[in-house]
C-alpha cells in the first residue's frame, strides 16, 4: 500500500507565508482571526447589480 501523499503547500492568503496543515489555508491562528474579522466587517463582498432589483425602483 503506497504512502498517502502529503497535502500540497499553499501560501497563506493573509500574509503569504506557507500554510500549516493544522491551520490550513492559513499559516497561524492569528491570520485565521484576521480573515474572520474581515468577513464580520464585511470587507469581503459579492458584487451585485442594483438595476435588476425590482425593489430598488421605489417612487415616493
Protein backbone atom coordinates (compact mmCIF):
# COMPACT_ATOMS: atom_id res chain seq x y z
CA UNK A 1 0.00 0.00 0.00
CA UNK A 2 1.59 3.30 -1.04
CA UNK A 3 2.06 6.07 1.47
CA UNK A 4 -0.57 8.83 1.25
CA UNK A 5 0.68 11.94 -0.49
CA UNK A 6 1.23 14.89 1.87
CA UNK A 7 -1.06 17.86 1.22
CA UNK A 8 0.28 20.45 -1.17
CA UNK A 9 1.77 23.52 0.47
CA UNK A 10 -0.11 26.67 -0.25
CA UNK A 11 0.54 30.26 0.72
CA UNK A 12 -1.46 31.93 3.47
CA UNK A 13 -3.99 34.28 1.85
CA UNK A 14 -3.35 36.91 4.54
CA UNK A 15 0.45 37.15 4.82
CA UNK A 16 1.81 34.85 2.09
CA UNK A 17 3.78 32.54 4.40
CA UNK A 18 3.49 28.77 3.84
CA UNK A 19 0.27 27.33 5.26
CA UNK A 20 0.46 24.81 8.07
CA UNK A 21 -1.56 21.58 7.95
CA UNK A 22 -3.29 22.42 11.24
CA UNK A 23 -4.36 25.95 10.25
CA UNK A 24 -4.75 25.39 6.52
CA UNK A 25 -5.23 27.51 4.40
CA UNK A 26 -3.65 29.92 6.90
CA UNK A 27 -0.22 29.88 8.50
CA UNK A 28 -1.37 30.64 12.04
CA UNK A 29 -4.42 31.21 14.23
CA UNK A 30 -3.68 34.94 14.03
CA UNK A 31 -4.13 35.02 10.23
CA UNK A 32 -7.30 32.94 10.57
CA UNK A 33 -8.68 35.50 13.03
CA UNK A 34 -7.75 38.39 10.71
CA UNK A 35 -9.67 36.68 7.91
CA UNK A 36 -12.68 36.09 10.16
CA UNK A 37 -12.64 39.74 11.19
CA UNK A 38 -12.69 40.76 7.54
CA UNK A 39 -15.79 38.63 6.97
CA UNK A 40 -17.52 40.11 10.03
CA UNK A 41 -16.54 43.63 8.98
CA UNK A 42 -18.00 42.98 5.51
CA UNK A 43 -14.67 43.63 3.78
CA UNK A 44 -15.39 40.63 1.57
CA UNK A 45 -18.49 41.18 -0.54
CA UNK A 46 -20.06 39.72 -3.64
CA UNK A 47 -20.73 42.48 -6.16
CA UNK A 48 -24.35 42.82 -7.18
CA UNK A 49 -26.21 44.81 -9.74
CA UNK A 50 -28.96 47.03 -8.34
CA UNK A 51 -30.58 47.83 -11.70
CA UNK A 52 -32.12 44.32 -11.85
CA UNK A 53 -33.57 44.64 -8.34
CA UNK A 54 -37.32 45.42 -8.60
CA UNK A 55 -37.41 46.74 -5.01
CA UNK A 56 -34.83 49.41 -5.79
CA UNK A 57 -37.28 51.27 -8.07
CA UNK A 58 -39.28 52.88 -5.30
CA UNK A 59 -41.27 56.00 -6.09
CA UNK A 60 -42.19 58.20 -3.25
